[in-house]
């Protein structure tokens, strides 16, 4: 009887591990999904504006860290932050230098370089460069939304 329980528990453990772990090829596919999401996010920011992009790619519980260590919580507050700041004269480009994903494929993170270009009132352009770090969460519809930026 004890041996049957040990075998049953072992089988359950192995089954759970198989469900939670992605094969290496699956991890590479998941990294590609996240890369493509980053580039679609960047494209939307360019074509439809920063406010629209940061709202559409935010998880409902997303948090962003902006200036002076200010945290903005939630998708609607993120949209409001960008609306108040009026980033209509801003363009931003970024590319992830590194992407990794959790073993179960539900979380990922990226980091890389970004460049914001702001058109000034006098016609000149000011450029701000930096490093970004984004945490991505897979949604129930299989899309990716950021939970931290």
N, C-alpha and C. Protein backbone atom coordinates (compact mmCIF):
# COMPACT_ATOMS: atom_id res chain seq x y z
N UNK A 1 0.82 -1.19 0.00
CA UNK A 1 0.00 0.00 0.00
C UNK A 1 0.87 1.26 0.00
N UNK A 2 1.90 1.26 0.84
CA UNK A 2 2.80 2.40 0.91
C UNK A 2 3.50 2.62 -0.42
N UNK A 3 3.91 1.53 -1.06
CA UNK A 3 4.60 1.65 -2.35
C UNK A 3 3.66 2.24 -3.40
N UNK A 4 2.39 1.89 -3.41
CA UNK A 4 1.43 2.44 -4.36
C UNK A 4 1.28 3.95 -4.15
N UNK A 5 1.26 4.38 -2.90
CA UNK A 5 1.16 5.82 -2.61
C UNK A 5 2.39 6.57 -3.08
N UNK A 6 3.55 5.97 -2.86
CA UNK A 6 4.80 6.61 -3.30
C UNK A 6 4.81 6.74 -4.82
N UNK A 7 4.41 5.68 -5.51
CA UNK A 7 4.37 5.72 -6.98
C UNK A 7 3.34 6.75 -7.45
N UNK A 8 2.18 6.77 -6.83
CA UNK A 8 1.13 7.72 -7.22
C UNK A 8 1.60 9.15 -7.00
N UNK A 9 2.21 9.42 -5.85
CA UNK A 9 2.72 10.76 -5.57
C UNK A 9 3.82 11.15 -6.55
N UNK A 10 4.68 10.21 -6.87
CA UNK A 10 5.75 10.48 -7.84
C UNK A 10 5.18 10.82 -9.21
N UNK A 11 4.18 10.08 -9.65
CA UNK A 11 3.56 10.35 -10.95
C UNK A 11 2.89 11.72 -10.98
N UNK A 12 2.22 12.06 -9.88
CA UNK A 12 1.59 13.38 -9.80
C UNK A 12 2.66 14.47 -9.85
N UNK A 13 3.75 14.29 -9.13
CA UNK A 13 4.84 15.26 -9.12
C UNK A 13 5.42 15.43 -10.52
N UNK A 14 5.67 14.34 -11.22
CA UNK A 14 6.22 14.40 -12.58
C UNK A 14 5.24 15.10 -13.51
N UNK A 15 3.96 14.80 -13.39
CA UNK A 15 2.95 15.43 -14.23
C UNK A 15 2.91 16.94 -14.00
N UNK A 16 2.96 17.35 -12.75
CA UNK A 16 2.96 18.79 -12.44
C UNK A 16 4.19 19.46 -13.01
N UNK A 17 5.34 18.83 -12.89
CA UNK A 17 6.56 19.40 -13.45
C UNK A 17 6.46 19.56 -14.96
N UNK A 18 5.86 18.59 -15.62
CA UNK A 18 5.68 18.69 -17.08
C UNK A 18 4.76 19.85 -17.44
N UNK A 19 3.74 20.07 -16.64
CA UNK A 19 2.83 21.18 -16.91
C UNK A 19 3.49 22.53 -16.69
N UNK A 20 4.37 22.62 -15.68
CA UNK A 20 4.95 23.90 -15.31
C UNK A 20 6.19 24.27 -16.10
N UNK A 21 6.84 23.34 -16.70
CA UNK A 21 8.12 23.62 -17.36
C UNK A 21 7.97 23.60 -18.87
N UNK A 22 8.58 24.57 -19.50
CA UNK A 22 8.59 24.61 -20.95
C UNK A 22 9.85 23.94 -21.46
N UNK A 23 9.73 23.32 -22.60
CA UNK A 23 10.91 22.79 -23.27
C UNK A 23 11.74 23.95 -23.77
N UNK A 24 13.06 23.75 -23.99
CA UNK A 24 13.91 24.85 -24.47
C UNK A 24 13.39 25.52 -25.74
N UNK A 25 12.88 24.75 -26.70
CA UNK A 25 12.36 25.35 -27.92
C UNK A 25 11.13 26.22 -27.64
N UNK A 26 10.30 25.77 -26.69
CA UNK A 26 9.14 26.57 -26.31
C UNK A 26 9.58 27.88 -25.68
N UNK A 27 10.63 27.85 -24.90
CA UNK A 27 11.14 29.08 -24.27
C UNK A 27 11.62 30.05 -25.34
N UNK A 28 12.28 29.55 -26.38
CA UNK A 28 12.74 30.42 -27.46
C UNK A 28 11.55 31.01 -28.21
N UNK A 29 10.51 30.23 -28.41
CA UNK A 29 9.30 30.75 -29.06
C UNK A 29 8.64 31.82 -28.19
N UNK A 30 8.62 31.59 -26.88
CA UNK A 30 8.04 32.57 -25.97
C UNK A 30 8.85 33.86 -25.97
N UNK A 31 10.17 33.74 -26.00
CA UNK A 31 11.02 34.93 -26.10
C UNK A 31 10.72 35.70 -27.38
N UNK A 32 10.51 34.97 -28.47
CA UNK A 32 10.18 35.62 -29.75
C UNK A 32 8.83 36.33 -29.65
N UNK A 33 7.86 35.72 -28.97
CA UNK A 33 6.56 36.37 -28.78
C UNK A 33 6.73 37.69 -28.04
N UNK A 34 7.54 37.67 -27.00
CA UNK A 34 7.75 38.89 -26.21
C UNK A 34 8.48 39.95 -27.04
N UNK A 35 9.48 39.53 -27.80
CA UNK A 35 10.19 40.48 -28.68
C UNK A 35 9.20 41.12 -29.66
N UNK A 36 8.37 40.29 -30.29
CA UNK A 36 7.38 40.81 -31.24
C UNK A 36 6.39 41.74 -30.56
N UNK A 37 6.04 41.45 -29.32
CA UNK A 37 5.14 42.33 -28.56
C UNK A 37 5.82 43.66 -28.29
N UNK A 38 7.09 43.63 -27.91
CA UNK A 38 7.84 44.89 -27.69
C UNK A 38 7.83 45.74 -28.96
N UNK A 39 8.09 45.11 -30.10
CA UNK A 39 8.17 45.87 -31.35
C UNK A 39 6.79 46.39 -31.77
N UNK A 40 5.74 45.61 -31.54
CA UNK A 40 4.38 46.09 -31.84
C UNK A 40 4.00 47.24 -30.91
N UNK A 41 4.41 47.17 -29.67
CA UNK A 41 4.20 48.22 -28.68
C UNK A 41 4.90 49.50 -29.16
N UNK A 42 6.15 49.37 -29.57
CA UNK A 42 6.92 50.52 -30.07
C UNK A 42 6.26 51.11 -31.33
N UNK A 43 5.81 50.23 -32.22
CA UNK A 43 5.16 50.69 -33.46
C UNK A 43 3.86 51.45 -33.14
N UNK A 44 3.08 50.93 -32.19
CA UNK A 44 1.84 51.62 -31.80
C UNK A 44 2.16 52.99 -31.21
N UNK A 45 3.22 53.07 -30.40
CA UNK A 45 3.61 54.36 -29.82
C UNK A 45 3.96 55.35 -30.92
N UNK A 46 4.59 54.86 -31.97
CA UNK A 46 4.98 55.73 -33.08
C UNK A 46 3.78 56.15 -33.92
N UNK A 47 2.88 55.22 -34.18
CA UNK A 47 1.77 55.47 -35.09
C UNK A 47 0.55 56.10 -34.42
N UNK A 48 0.25 55.68 -33.18
CA UNK A 48 -0.97 56.14 -32.52
C UNK A 48 -0.72 57.00 -31.28
N UNK A 49 0.53 57.10 -30.89
CA UNK A 49 0.89 57.94 -29.76
C UNK A 49 1.23 57.14 -28.52
N UNK A 50 2.01 57.78 -27.68
CA UNK A 50 2.51 57.14 -26.47
C UNK A 50 1.37 56.79 -25.51
N UNK A 51 0.42 57.69 -25.36
CA UNK A 51 -0.69 57.44 -24.43
C UNK A 51 -1.46 56.19 -24.82
N UNK A 52 -1.81 56.07 -26.09
CA UNK A 52 -2.56 54.91 -26.58
C UNK A 52 -1.77 53.62 -26.38
N UNK A 53 -0.49 53.65 -26.73
CA UNK A 53 0.34 52.44 -26.65
C UNK A 53 0.52 51.99 -25.20
N UNK A 54 0.86 52.93 -24.32
CA UNK A 54 1.09 52.53 -22.93
C UNK A 54 -0.20 52.07 -22.26
N UNK A 55 -1.33 52.56 -22.70
CA UNK A 55 -2.61 52.09 -22.18
C UNK A 55 -2.92 50.69 -22.72
N UNK A 56 -2.80 50.51 -24.02
CA UNK A 56 -3.19 49.23 -24.65
C UNK A 56 -2.30 48.06 -24.25
N UNK A 57 -1.05 48.30 -23.97
CA UNK A 57 -0.15 47.20 -23.63
C UNK A 57 -0.02 46.99 -22.12
N UNK A 58 -0.76 47.75 -21.32
CA UNK A 58 -0.70 47.62 -19.86
C UNK A 58 -1.65 46.53 -19.38
N UNK A 59 -1.18 45.72 -18.46
CA UNK A 59 -2.04 44.81 -17.71
C UNK A 59 -2.92 45.69 -16.81
N UNK A 60 -4.07 45.20 -16.40
CA UNK A 60 -4.96 46.02 -15.56
C UNK A 60 -4.29 46.46 -14.26
N UNK A 61 -3.32 45.68 -13.78
CA UNK A 61 -2.63 46.02 -12.53
C UNK A 61 -1.21 46.53 -12.77
N UNK A 62 -0.94 47.01 -13.96
CA UNK A 62 0.41 47.47 -14.31
C UNK A 62 0.85 48.63 -13.43
N UNK A 63 2.17 48.72 -13.28
CA UNK A 63 2.80 49.82 -12.53
C UNK A 63 3.94 50.35 -13.39
N UNK A 64 4.03 51.67 -13.49
CA UNK A 64 5.18 52.26 -14.17
C UNK A 64 5.93 53.15 -13.19
N UNK A 65 7.22 53.24 -13.38
CA UNK A 65 8.09 54.07 -12.54
C UNK A 65 8.54 55.24 -13.41
N UNK A 66 8.14 56.43 -13.04
CA UNK A 66 8.49 57.61 -13.83
C UNK A 66 9.02 58.71 -12.92
N UNK A 67 10.04 59.40 -13.35
CA UNK A 67 10.64 60.54 -12.68
C UNK A 67 10.52 60.62 -11.19
N UNK A 68 11.62 60.91 -10.55
CA UNK A 68 11.68 61.09 -9.09
C UNK A 68 11.09 59.90 -8.34
N UNK A 69 11.30 58.73 -8.87
CA UNK A 69 10.83 57.49 -8.24
C UNK A 69 9.33 57.48 -7.99
N UNK A 70 8.57 58.10 -8.89
CA UNK A 70 7.12 58.09 -8.78
C UNK A 70 6.57 56.82 -9.41
N UNK A 71 5.68 56.15 -8.69
CA UNK A 71 5.02 54.96 -9.21
C UNK A 71 3.60 55.32 -9.59
N UNK A 72 3.19 54.88 -10.77
CA UNK A 72 1.83 55.09 -11.23
C UNK A 72 1.20 53.70 -11.33
N UNK A 73 0.10 53.50 -10.59
CA UNK A 73 -0.53 52.20 -10.46
C UNK A 73 -1.78 52.11 -11.31
N UNK A 74 -1.90 51.06 -12.09
CA UNK A 74 -3.13 50.76 -12.81
C UNK A 74 -3.18 51.36 -14.20
N UNK A 75 -3.83 50.63 -15.07
CA UNK A 75 -3.93 50.98 -16.49
C UNK A 75 -4.54 52.36 -16.72
N UNK A 76 -5.62 52.66 -16.04
CA UNK A 76 -6.27 53.97 -16.22
C UNK A 76 -5.39 55.11 -15.72
N UNK A 77 -4.72 54.92 -14.61
CA UNK A 77 -3.83 55.96 -14.10
C UNK A 77 -2.62 56.16 -15.01
N UNK A 78 -2.17 55.10 -15.65
CA UNK A 78 -1.07 55.22 -16.62
C UNK A 78 -1.52 56.08 -17.80
N UNK A 79 -2.71 55.80 -18.31
CA UNK A 79 -3.25 56.62 -19.41
C UNK A 79 -3.36 58.08 -18.98
N UNK A 80 -3.90 58.31 -17.79
CA UNK A 80 -4.05 59.68 -17.30
C UNK A 80 -2.71 60.37 -17.14
N UNK A 81 -1.70 59.65 -16.68
CA UNK A 81 -0.36 60.21 -16.55
C UNK A 81 0.13 60.73 -17.89
N UNK A 82 -0.01 59.91 -18.93
CA UNK A 82 0.47 60.32 -20.25
C UNK A 82 -0.41 61.42 -20.87
N UNK A 83 -1.70 61.42 -20.57
CA UNK A 83 -2.57 62.49 -21.06
C UNK A 83 -2.19 63.83 -20.44
N UNK A 84 -1.95 63.84 -19.14
CA UNK A 84 -1.59 65.07 -18.43
C UNK A 84 -0.25 65.61 -18.94
N UNK A 85 0.68 64.71 -19.18
CA UNK A 85 2.02 65.13 -19.62
C UNK A 85 2.02 65.62 -21.06
N UNK A 86 0.99 65.30 -21.83
CA UNK A 86 0.86 65.73 -23.23
C UNK A 86 2.14 65.42 -24.04
N UNK A 87 2.31 64.16 -24.35
CA UNK A 87 3.47 63.71 -25.10
C UNK A 87 3.22 63.69 -26.61
N UNK A 88 2.41 64.61 -27.10
CA UNK A 88 2.10 64.63 -28.54
C UNK A 88 3.31 65.03 -29.39
N UNK A 89 4.27 65.72 -28.82
CA UNK A 89 5.47 66.12 -29.57
C UNK A 89 6.67 65.21 -29.28
N UNK A 90 6.39 63.99 -28.86
CA UNK A 90 7.45 63.07 -28.47
C UNK A 90 7.40 61.83 -29.34
N UNK A 91 8.57 61.36 -29.73
CA UNK A 91 8.69 60.05 -30.35
C UNK A 91 9.64 59.22 -29.50
N UNK A 92 9.41 57.94 -29.45
CA UNK A 92 10.25 57.06 -28.65
C UNK A 92 10.55 55.80 -29.45
N UNK A 93 11.78 55.36 -29.36
CA UNK A 93 12.18 54.09 -29.96
C UNK A 93 12.91 53.27 -28.90
N UNK A 94 12.77 51.96 -28.98
CA UNK A 94 13.48 51.08 -28.06
C UNK A 94 13.61 49.70 -28.67
N UNK A 95 14.59 48.97 -28.20
CA UNK A 95 14.81 47.59 -28.63
C UNK A 95 15.34 46.80 -27.45
N UNK A 96 14.74 45.65 -27.18
CA UNK A 96 15.28 44.84 -26.10
C UNK A 96 16.65 44.26 -26.47
N UNK A 97 17.59 44.38 -25.53
CA UNK A 97 18.90 43.75 -25.69
C UNK A 97 18.89 42.35 -25.08
N UNK A 98 17.97 42.12 -24.16
CA UNK A 98 17.91 40.83 -23.48
C UNK A 98 16.47 40.50 -23.16
N UNK A 99 16.12 39.22 -23.32
CA UNK A 99 14.78 38.72 -23.00
C UNK A 99 14.95 37.39 -22.30
N UNK A 100 14.19 37.19 -21.23
CA UNK A 100 14.14 35.88 -20.60
C UNK A 100 12.70 35.63 -20.15
N UNK A 101 12.39 34.35 -19.96
CA UNK A 101 11.04 33.97 -19.57
C UNK A 101 11.09 32.97 -18.42
N UNK A 102 10.00 32.93 -17.67
CA UNK A 102 9.90 31.97 -16.57
C UNK A 102 9.78 30.56 -17.14
N UNK A 103 10.06 29.59 -16.30
CA UNK A 103 10.02 28.19 -16.73
C UNK A 103 8.64 27.79 -17.23
N UNK A 104 7.59 28.37 -16.66
CA UNK A 104 6.24 27.99 -17.10
C UNK A 104 5.72 28.86 -18.25
N UNK A 105 6.50 29.84 -18.68
CA UNK A 105 6.14 30.63 -19.85
C UNK A 105 5.07 31.68 -19.62
N UNK A 106 4.79 32.03 -18.37
CA UNK A 106 3.73 33.02 -18.10
C UNK A 106 4.26 34.40 -17.77
N UNK A 107 5.55 34.50 -17.46
CA UNK A 107 6.17 35.79 -17.17
C UNK A 107 7.46 35.91 -17.97
N UNK A 108 7.76 37.13 -18.36
CA UNK A 108 9.01 37.38 -19.05
C UNK A 108 9.49 38.78 -18.71
N UNK A 109 10.74 39.04 -19.02
CA UNK A 109 11.24 40.39 -18.82
C UNK A 109 12.21 40.75 -19.92
N UNK A 110 12.30 42.03 -20.16
CA UNK A 110 13.20 42.56 -21.18
C UNK A 110 13.94 43.75 -20.60
N UNK A 111 15.08 44.04 -21.18
CA UNK A 111 15.74 45.31 -20.94
C UNK A 111 16.56 45.67 -22.15
N UNK A 112 16.78 46.96 -22.29
CA UNK A 112 17.52 47.45 -23.44
C UNK A 112 17.59 48.97 -23.41
N UNK A 113 17.90 49.52 -24.56
CA UNK A 113 18.09 50.98 -24.68
C UNK A 113 16.86 51.63 -25.28
N UNK A 114 16.59 52.85 -24.84
CA UNK A 114 15.51 53.64 -25.44
C UNK A 114 16.03 55.03 -25.76
N UNK A 115 15.27 55.71 -26.62
CA UNK A 115 15.56 57.10 -26.96
C UNK A 115 14.24 57.84 -27.12
N UNK A 116 14.05 58.90 -26.31
CA UNK A 116 12.91 59.80 -26.43
C UNK A 116 13.39 61.04 -27.16
N UNK A 117 12.64 61.47 -28.15
CA UNK A 117 12.95 62.72 -28.84
C UNK A 117 11.76 63.66 -28.67
N UNK A 118 12.05 64.84 -28.11
CA UNK A 118 11.02 65.83 -27.84
C UNK A 118 11.24 67.05 -28.73
N UNK A 119 10.21 67.41 -29.48
CA UNK A 119 10.28 68.64 -30.28
C UNK A 119 10.01 69.82 -29.35
N UNK A 120 10.96 70.73 -29.29
CA UNK A 120 10.86 71.91 -28.45
C UNK A 120 10.06 72.99 -29.16
N UNK A 121 9.59 73.96 -28.42
CA UNK A 121 8.83 75.07 -28.98
C UNK A 121 9.61 75.87 -30.02
N UNK A 122 10.92 75.90 -29.89
CA UNK A 122 11.74 76.66 -30.84
C UNK A 122 12.14 75.85 -32.08
N UNK A 123 11.59 74.63 -32.19
CA UNK A 123 11.87 73.81 -33.37
C UNK A 123 13.03 72.85 -33.20
N UNK A 124 13.79 72.99 -32.13
CA UNK A 124 14.89 72.06 -31.89
C UNK A 124 14.35 70.76 -31.29
N UNK A 125 15.16 69.74 -31.33
CA UNK A 125 14.79 68.44 -30.76
C UNK A 125 15.73 68.10 -29.63
N UNK A 126 15.15 67.72 -28.51
CA UNK A 126 15.93 67.27 -27.36
C UNK A 126 15.81 65.75 -27.29
N UNK A 127 16.96 65.09 -27.10
CA UNK A 127 16.96 63.63 -27.02
C UNK A 127 17.35 63.18 -25.62
N UNK A 128 16.59 62.22 -25.11
CA UNK A 128 16.88 61.62 -23.81
C UNK A 128 17.06 60.12 -24.06
N UNK A 129 18.21 59.62 -23.64
CA UNK A 129 18.51 58.20 -23.80
C UNK A 129 18.57 57.53 -22.43
N UNK A 130 18.26 56.25 -22.43
CA UNK A 130 18.34 55.53 -21.18
C UNK A 130 18.18 54.04 -21.38
N UNK A 131 17.99 53.36 -20.27
CA UNK A 131 17.80 51.91 -20.24
C UNK A 131 16.40 51.64 -19.71
N UNK A 132 15.69 50.74 -20.37
CA UNK A 132 14.36 50.35 -19.89
C UNK A 132 14.42 48.93 -19.34
N UNK A 133 13.45 48.62 -18.50
CA UNK A 133 13.26 47.27 -17.98
C UNK A 133 11.76 47.05 -17.89
N UNK A 134 11.28 46.02 -18.58
CA UNK A 134 9.85 45.74 -18.61
C UNK A 134 9.61 44.31 -18.18
N UNK A 135 8.58 44.10 -17.36
CA UNK A 135 8.15 42.76 -16.98
C UNK A 135 6.83 42.50 -17.68
N UNK A 136 6.75 41.36 -18.37
CA UNK A 136 5.59 40.99 -19.17
C UNK A 136 4.86 39.80 -18.54
N UNK A 137 3.52 39.83 -18.64
CA UNK A 137 2.69 38.73 -18.12
C UNK A 137 1.79 38.24 -19.25
N UNK A 138 1.77 36.92 -19.43
CA UNK A 138 0.90 36.33 -20.45
C UNK A 138 -0.54 36.39 -19.96
N UNK A 139 -1.41 36.84 -20.83
CA UNK A 139 -2.83 37.00 -20.50
C UNK A 139 -3.61 35.73 -20.86
N UNK A 140 -4.83 35.64 -20.40
CA UNK A 140 -5.65 34.45 -20.68
C UNK A 140 -5.92 34.28 -22.17
N UNK A 141 -5.86 35.37 -22.94
CA UNK A 141 -6.06 35.27 -24.40
C UNK A 141 -4.74 35.02 -25.14
N UNK A 142 -3.68 34.71 -24.38
CA UNK A 142 -2.34 34.39 -24.91
C UNK A 142 -1.55 35.62 -25.36
N UNK A 143 -2.10 36.82 -25.21
CA UNK A 143 -1.35 38.03 -25.51
C UNK A 143 -0.44 38.35 -24.32
N UNK A 144 0.46 39.30 -24.53
CA UNK A 144 1.37 39.74 -23.46
C UNK A 144 1.06 41.20 -23.11
N UNK A 145 1.01 41.48 -21.82
CA UNK A 145 0.81 42.83 -21.31
C UNK A 145 1.90 43.10 -20.27
N UNK A 146 2.35 44.34 -20.19
CA UNK A 146 3.37 44.63 -19.19
C UNK A 146 2.72 44.84 -17.82
N UNK A 147 3.42 44.38 -16.79
CA UNK A 147 2.99 44.60 -15.41
C UNK A 147 3.93 45.57 -14.72
N UNK A 148 5.10 45.82 -15.30
CA UNK A 148 6.08 46.76 -14.75
C UNK A 148 6.85 47.39 -15.90
N UNK A 149 6.98 48.69 -15.86
CA UNK A 149 7.80 49.39 -16.86
C UNK A 149 8.45 50.58 -16.19
